Amino acid sequence: MTQEKDTWRVDGPQPLGAFVGEGVNDQLMHISVQLAAELWVTRRRLAALESQLVAGGVVTSPDALEPDDGDPAAARAERDAFIRRVFGGLTA
């Protein structure tokens, strides 16, 4: 069986930093670390909350439910605040 090399690559400027100006790589690293930290905290808190609620019979597993955005304006405001926290390093 023959495999093509690097079929996952996207053509574009190399090195990757050529897409952005000088010094932006540090900002991109900041964004990556901030995203990882946000995601880890969210995953830990969500897992703890789900476990307690399901074990207590308060709710069924969220995997069995369809998502409900509730108040769309509040959801957008929360999303925008998240984006400012994560991508704020690009404006520094």
C-alpha atoms as a PDB file:
ATOM      1  CA  MET A   1       0.000   0.000   0.000  1.00  0.00           C
ATOM      2  CA  THR A   2       1.422   3.368  -1.011  1.00  0.00           C
ATOM      3  CA  GLN A   3       1.020   6.437   1.173  1.00  0.00           C
ATOM      4  CA  GLU A   4       1.558  10.016   0.107  1.00  0.00           C
ATOM      5  CA  LYS A   5       3.838  12.000   2.380  1.00  0.00           C
ATOM      6  CA  ASP A   6       2.557  15.049   4.238  1.00  0.00           C
ATOM      7  CA  THR A   7      -0.983  14.894   2.861  1.00  0.00           C
ATOM      8  CA  TRP A   8      -2.166  16.710   5.982  1.00  0.00           C
ATOM      9  CA  ARG A   9      -0.124  19.826   5.220  1.00  0.00           C
ATOM     10  CA  VAL A  10      -1.676  23.017   3.923  1.00  0.00           C
ATOM     11  CA  ASP A  11       0.238  24.981   1.319  1.00  0.00           C
ATOM     12  CA  GLY A  12       1.238  28.427   2.498  1.00  0.00           C
ATOM     13  CA  PRO A  13       4.131  30.571   3.599  1.00  0.00           C
ATOM     14  CA  GLN A  14       6.832  28.767   5.539  1.00  0.00           C
ATOM     15  CA  PRO A  15       7.764  29.069   8.291  1.00  0.00           C
ATOM     16  CA  LEU A  16       4.311  29.403   9.791  1.00  0.00           C
ATOM     17  CA  GLY A  17       5.277  32.738  11.357  1.00  0.00           C
ATOM     18  CA  ALA A  18       5.278  34.242   7.870  1.00  0.00           C
ATOM     19  CA  PHE A  19       1.498  34.638   8.212  1.00  0.00           C
ATOM     20  CA  VAL A  20       1.958  37.196  10.985  1.00  0.00           C
ATOM     21  CA  GLY A  21       4.300  40.056  11.818  1.00  0.00           C
ATOM     22  CA  GLU A  22       7.482  39.864  13.866  1.00  0.00           C
ATOM     23  CA  GLY A  23       6.913  39.115  17.539  1.00  0.00           C
ATOM     24  CA  VAL A  24       3.418  37.757  17.030  1.00  0.00           C
ATOM     25  CA  ASN A  25       4.569  34.188  17.662  1.00  0.00           C
ATOM     26  CA  ASP A  26       4.923  35.042  21.361  1.00  0.00           C
ATOM     27  CA  GLN A  27       1.377  36.379  21.341  1.00  0.00           C
ATOM     28  CA  LEU A  28       0.147  33.229  19.608  1.00  0.00           C
ATOM     29  CA  MET A  29       1.856  31.145  22.284  1.00  0.00           C
ATOM     30  CA  HIS A  30       0.123  33.254  24.939  1.00  0.00           C
ATOM     31  CA  ILE A  31      -3.214  32.589  23.235  1.00  0.00           C
ATOM     32  CA  SER A  32      -2.519  28.844  23.073  1.00  0.00           C
ATOM     33  CA  VAL A  33      -1.582  28.638  26.743  1.00  0.00           C
ATOM     34  CA  GLN A  34      -4.575  30.764  27.766  1.00  0.00           C
ATOM     35  CA  LEU A  35      -6.917  28.547  25.724  1.00  0.00           C
ATOM     36  CA  ALA A  36      -5.466  25.421  27.269  1.00  0.00           C
ATOM     37  CA  ALA A  37      -5.870  26.861  30.778  1.00  0.00           C
ATOM     38  CA  GLU A  38      -9.458  27.959  30.105  1.00  0.00           C
ATOM     39  CA  LEU A  39     -10.332  24.589  28.634  1.00  0.00           C
ATOM     40  CA  TRP A  40      -8.770  22.612  31.482  1.00  0.00           C
ATOM     41  CA  VAL A  41     -10.578  24.590  34.186  1.00  0.00           C
ATOM     42  CA  THR A  42     -13.861  24.319  32.302  1.00  0.00           C
ATOM     43  CA  ARG A  43     -13.495  20.574  31.799  1.00  0.00           C
ATOM     44  CA  ARG A  44     -12.663  19.950  35.471  1.00  0.00           C
ATOM     45  CA  ARG A  45     -15.520  22.098  36.761  1.00  0.00           C
ATOM     46  CA  LEU A  46     -18.026  20.654  34.303  1.00  0.00           C
ATOM     47  CA  ALA A  47     -17.053  17.070  35.092  1.00  0.00           C
ATOM     48  CA  ALA A  48     -17.414  17.698  38.838  1.00  0.00           C
ATOM     49  CA  LEU A  49     -20.775  19.403  38.409  1.00  0.00           C
ATOM     50  CA  GLU A  50     -22.147  16.751  36.059  1.00  0.00           C
ATOM     51  CA  SER A  51     -21.014  13.970  38.353  1.00  0.00           C
ATOM     52  CA  GLN A  52     -22.699  15.501  41.402  1.00  0.00           C
ATOM     53  CA  LEU A  53     -25.936  16.321  39.622  1.00  0.00           C
ATOM     54  CA  VAL A  54     -26.294  12.960  37.893  1.00  0.00           C
ATOM     55  CA  ALA A  55     -25.348  11.040  41.061  1.00  0.00           C
ATOM     56  CA  GLY A  56     -27.902  13.020  43.066  1.00  0.00           C
ATOM     57  CA  GLY A  57     -30.632  12.320  40.529  1.00  0.00           C
ATOM     58  CA  VAL A  58     -31.091  16.042  39.943  1.00  0.00           C
ATOM     59  CA  VAL A  59     -30.471  15.791  36.197  1.00  0.00           C
ATOM     60  CA  THR A  60     -29.895  13.198  33.557  1.00  0.00           C
ATOM     61  CA  SER A  61     -26.566  13.047  31.779  1.00  0.00           C
ATOM     62  CA  PRO A  62     -26.061  16.119  29.566  1.00  0.00           C
ATOM     63  CA  ASP A  63     -25.008  13.762  26.771  1.00  0.00           C
ATOM     64  CA  ALA A  64     -28.660  12.730  26.488  1.00  0.00           C
ATOM     65  CA  LEU A  65     -29.926  16.308  25.977  1.00  0.00           C
ATOM     66  CA  GLU A  66     -30.000  18.822  23.133  1.00  0.00           C
ATOM     67  CA  PRO A  67     -28.137  22.092  23.824  1.00  0.00           C
ATOM     68  CA  ASP A  68     -30.213  25.107  24.911  1.00  0.00           C
ATOM     69  CA  ASP A  69     -28.647  28.544  24.465  1.00  0.00           C
ATOM     70  CA  GLY A  70     -31.206  30.232  26.725  1.00  0.00           C
ATOM     71  CA  ASP A  71     -30.749  33.995  26.355  1.00  0.00           C
ATOM     72  CA  PRO A  72     -28.935  34.561  23.030  1.00  0.00           C
ATOM     73  CA  ALA A  73     -27.788  38.091  24.013  1.00  0.00           C
ATOM     74  CA  ALA A  74     -26.231  36.826  27.259  1.00  0.00           C
ATOM     75  CA  ALA A  75     -24.594  33.945  25.381  1.00  0.00           C
ATOM     76  CA  ARG A  76     -23.077  36.404  22.875  1.00  0.00           C
ATOM     77  CA  ALA A  77     -21.790  38.659  25.685  1.00  0.00           C
ATOM     78  CA  GLU A  78     -20.178  35.682  27.425  1.00  0.00           C
ATOM     79  CA  ARG A  79     -18.645  34.528  24.140  1.00  0.00           C
ATOM     80  CA  ASP A  80     -17.278  38.017  23.428  1.00  0.00           C
ATOM     81  CA  ALA A  81     -15.711  38.232  26.906  1.00  0.00           C
ATOM     82  CA  PHE A  82     -14.100  34.832  26.343  1.00  0.00           C
ATOM     83  CA  ILE A  83     -12.665  35.989  23.010  1.00  0.00           C
ATOM     84  CA  ARG A  84     -11.265  39.161  24.616  1.00  0.00           C
ATOM     85  CA  ARG A  85      -9.575  37.113  27.362  1.00  0.00           C
ATOM     86  CA  VAL A  86      -8.105  34.591  24.947  1.00  0.00           C
ATOM     87  CA  PHE A  87      -7.114  36.846  22.060  1.00  0.00           C
ATOM     88  CA  GLY A  88      -6.331  39.962  24.116  1.00  0.00           C
ATOM     89  CA  GLY A  89      -2.614  39.307  23.682  1.00  0.00           C
ATOM     90  CA  LEU A  90      -2.834  40.219  20.007  1.00  0.00           C
ATOM     91  CA  THR A  91      -3.670  43.832  20.837  1.00  0.00           C
ATOM     92  CA  ALA A  92      -0.759  44.293  23.251  1.00  0.00           C
END
